[in-house]
Amino acid sequence: MIKYLTMTIGKQKNMALIAHDGKKQDMLKWCMENKEILQQHNLSGTGTTARMIADYVGLKIKVVHGTEG
């Protein structure tokens, strides 16, 4: 029998959200589905991905410099 352990994140986390071009729409969908949880954390992402998350999902996200993509 497999036993599962449920863990709760107790404090604000730093999370990087990064997606290749072919996965950006999947990332946006995932962010929309998890927006309530994500907005409780410090988010960052590279170039286009971070701008898309901010524009389309409405999450506050810091753009960090890296490759555009």
C-alpha atoms as a PDB file:
ATOM      1  CA  MET A   1       0.000   0.000   0.000  1.00  0.00           C
ATOM      2  CA  ILE A   2       1.336   3.419  -0.958  1.00  0.00           C
ATOM      3  CA  LYS A   3       1.132   6.068   1.720  1.00  0.00           C
ATOM      4  CA  TYR A   4       1.023   9.742   0.816  1.00  0.00           C
ATOM      5  CA  LEU A   5       2.173  12.657   2.872  1.00  0.00           C
ATOM      6  CA  THR A   6       0.475  16.002   2.428  1.00  0.00           C
ATOM      7  CA  MET A   7       2.699  18.980   3.126  1.00  0.00           C
ATOM      8  CA  THR A   8       1.661  22.596   3.459  1.00  0.00           C
ATOM      9  CA  ILE A   9       3.945  25.443   2.476  1.00  0.00           C
ATOM     10  CA  GLY A  10       3.934  27.569   5.582  1.00  0.00           C
ATOM     11  CA  LYS A  11       5.621  30.736   4.383  1.00  0.00           C
ATOM     12  CA  GLN A  12       6.198  32.849   1.325  1.00  0.00           C
ATOM     13  CA  LYS A  13       8.535  31.211  -1.193  1.00  0.00           C
ATOM     14  CA  ASN A  14      10.687  32.543  -4.038  1.00  0.00           C
ATOM     15  CA  MET A  15       9.620  30.868  -7.269  1.00  0.00           C
ATOM     16  CA  ALA A  16      11.036  31.120 -10.794  1.00  0.00           C
ATOM     17  CA  LEU A  17       8.556  30.547 -13.635  1.00  0.00           C
ATOM     18  CA  ILE A  18      10.300  29.784 -16.935  1.00  0.00           C
ATOM     19  CA  ALA A  19       8.938  28.185 -20.121  1.00  0.00           C
ATOM     20  CA  HIS A  20      10.278  27.452 -23.590  1.00  0.00           C
ATOM     21  CA  ASP A  21       8.310  28.886 -26.513  1.00  0.00           C
ATOM     22  CA  GLY A  22       6.389  25.660 -27.117  1.00  0.00           C
ATOM     23  CA  LYS A  23       5.243  25.530 -23.481  1.00  0.00           C
ATOM     24  CA  LYS A  24       4.328  29.166 -22.771  1.00  0.00           C
ATOM     25  CA  GLN A  25       0.581  28.557 -23.274  1.00  0.00           C
ATOM     26  CA  ASP A  26       0.754  25.598 -20.870  1.00  0.00           C
ATOM     27  CA  MET A  27       2.521  27.811 -18.321  1.00  0.00           C
ATOM     28  CA  LEU A  28      -0.126  30.530 -18.660  1.00  0.00           C
ATOM     29  CA  LYS A  29      -2.909  27.985 -18.187  1.00  0.00           C
ATOM     30  CA  TRP A  30      -1.164  26.526 -15.128  1.00  0.00           C
ATOM     31  CA  CYS A  31      -0.658  30.002 -13.652  1.00  0.00           C
ATOM     32  CA  MET A  32      -4.347  30.838 -14.151  1.00  0.00           C
ATOM     33  CA  GLU A  33      -5.358  27.586 -12.457  1.00  0.00           C
ATOM     34  CA  ASN A  34      -3.014  28.282  -9.519  1.00  0.00           C
ATOM     35  CA  LYS A  35      -3.241  32.089  -9.395  1.00  0.00           C
ATOM     36  CA  GLU A  36      -4.646  32.205  -5.865  1.00  0.00           C
ATOM     37  CA  ILE A  37      -1.691  30.241  -4.507  1.00  0.00           C
ATOM     38  CA  LEU A  38       0.970  31.871  -6.696  1.00  0.00           C
ATOM     39  CA  GLN A  39       0.027  35.415  -5.702  1.00  0.00           C
ATOM     40  CA  GLN A  40       1.075  34.595  -2.138  1.00  0.00           C
ATOM     41  CA  HIS A  41       4.701  34.052  -3.210  1.00  0.00           C
ATOM     42  CA  ASN A  42       7.590  36.050  -4.711  1.00  0.00           C
ATOM     43  CA  LEU A  43       7.628  35.266  -8.417  1.00  0.00           C
ATOM     44  CA  SER A  44      10.337  35.862 -10.993  1.00  0.00           C
ATOM     45  CA  GLY A  45      10.837  34.808 -14.582  1.00  0.00           C
ATOM     46  CA  THR A  46      12.859  35.533 -17.681  1.00  0.00           C
ATOM     47  CA  GLY A  47      11.863  38.032 -20.375  1.00  0.00           C
ATOM     48  CA  THR A  48       8.871  36.990 -22.437  1.00  0.00           C
ATOM     49  CA  THR A  49       7.546  34.404 -19.994  1.00  0.00           C
ATOM     50  CA  ALA A  50       7.399  36.883 -17.100  1.00  0.00           C
ATOM     51  CA  ARG A  51       5.768  39.583 -19.239  1.00  0.00           C
ATOM     52  CA  MET A  52       3.137  37.144 -20.495  1.00  0.00           C
ATOM     53  CA  ILE A  53       2.335  35.992 -16.957  1.00  0.00           C
ATOM     54  CA  ALA A  54       1.990  39.591 -15.795  1.00  0.00           C
ATOM     55  CA  ASP A  55      -0.106  40.674 -18.799  1.00  0.00           C
ATOM     56  CA  TYR A  56      -2.402  37.680 -19.260  1.00  0.00           C
ATOM     57  CA  VAL A  57      -2.659  36.256 -15.748  1.00  0.00           C
ATOM     58  CA  GLY A  58      -2.283  39.460 -13.754  1.00  0.00           C
ATOM     59  CA  LEU A  59       0.330  38.166 -11.331  1.00  0.00           C
ATOM     60  CA  LYS A  60       3.057  40.387  -9.942  1.00  0.00           C
ATOM     61  CA  ILE A  61       6.320  38.928 -11.260  1.00  0.00           C
ATOM     62  CA  LYS A  62       9.877  40.258 -11.372  1.00  0.00           C
ATOM     63  CA  VAL A  63      11.603  40.078 -14.756  1.00  0.00           C
ATOM     64  CA  VAL A  64      15.148  38.795 -14.382  1.00  0.00           C
ATOM     65  CA  HIS A  65      17.684  39.173 -17.140  1.00  0.00           C
ATOM     66  CA  GLY A  66      18.586  36.104 -19.081  1.00  0.00           C
ATOM     67  CA  THR A  67      17.971  34.961 -22.579  1.00  0.00           C
ATOM     68  CA  GLU A  68      14.827  36.205 -24.232  1.00  0.00           C
ATOM     69  CA  GLY A  69      12.463  33.300 -24.617  1.00  0.00           C
END
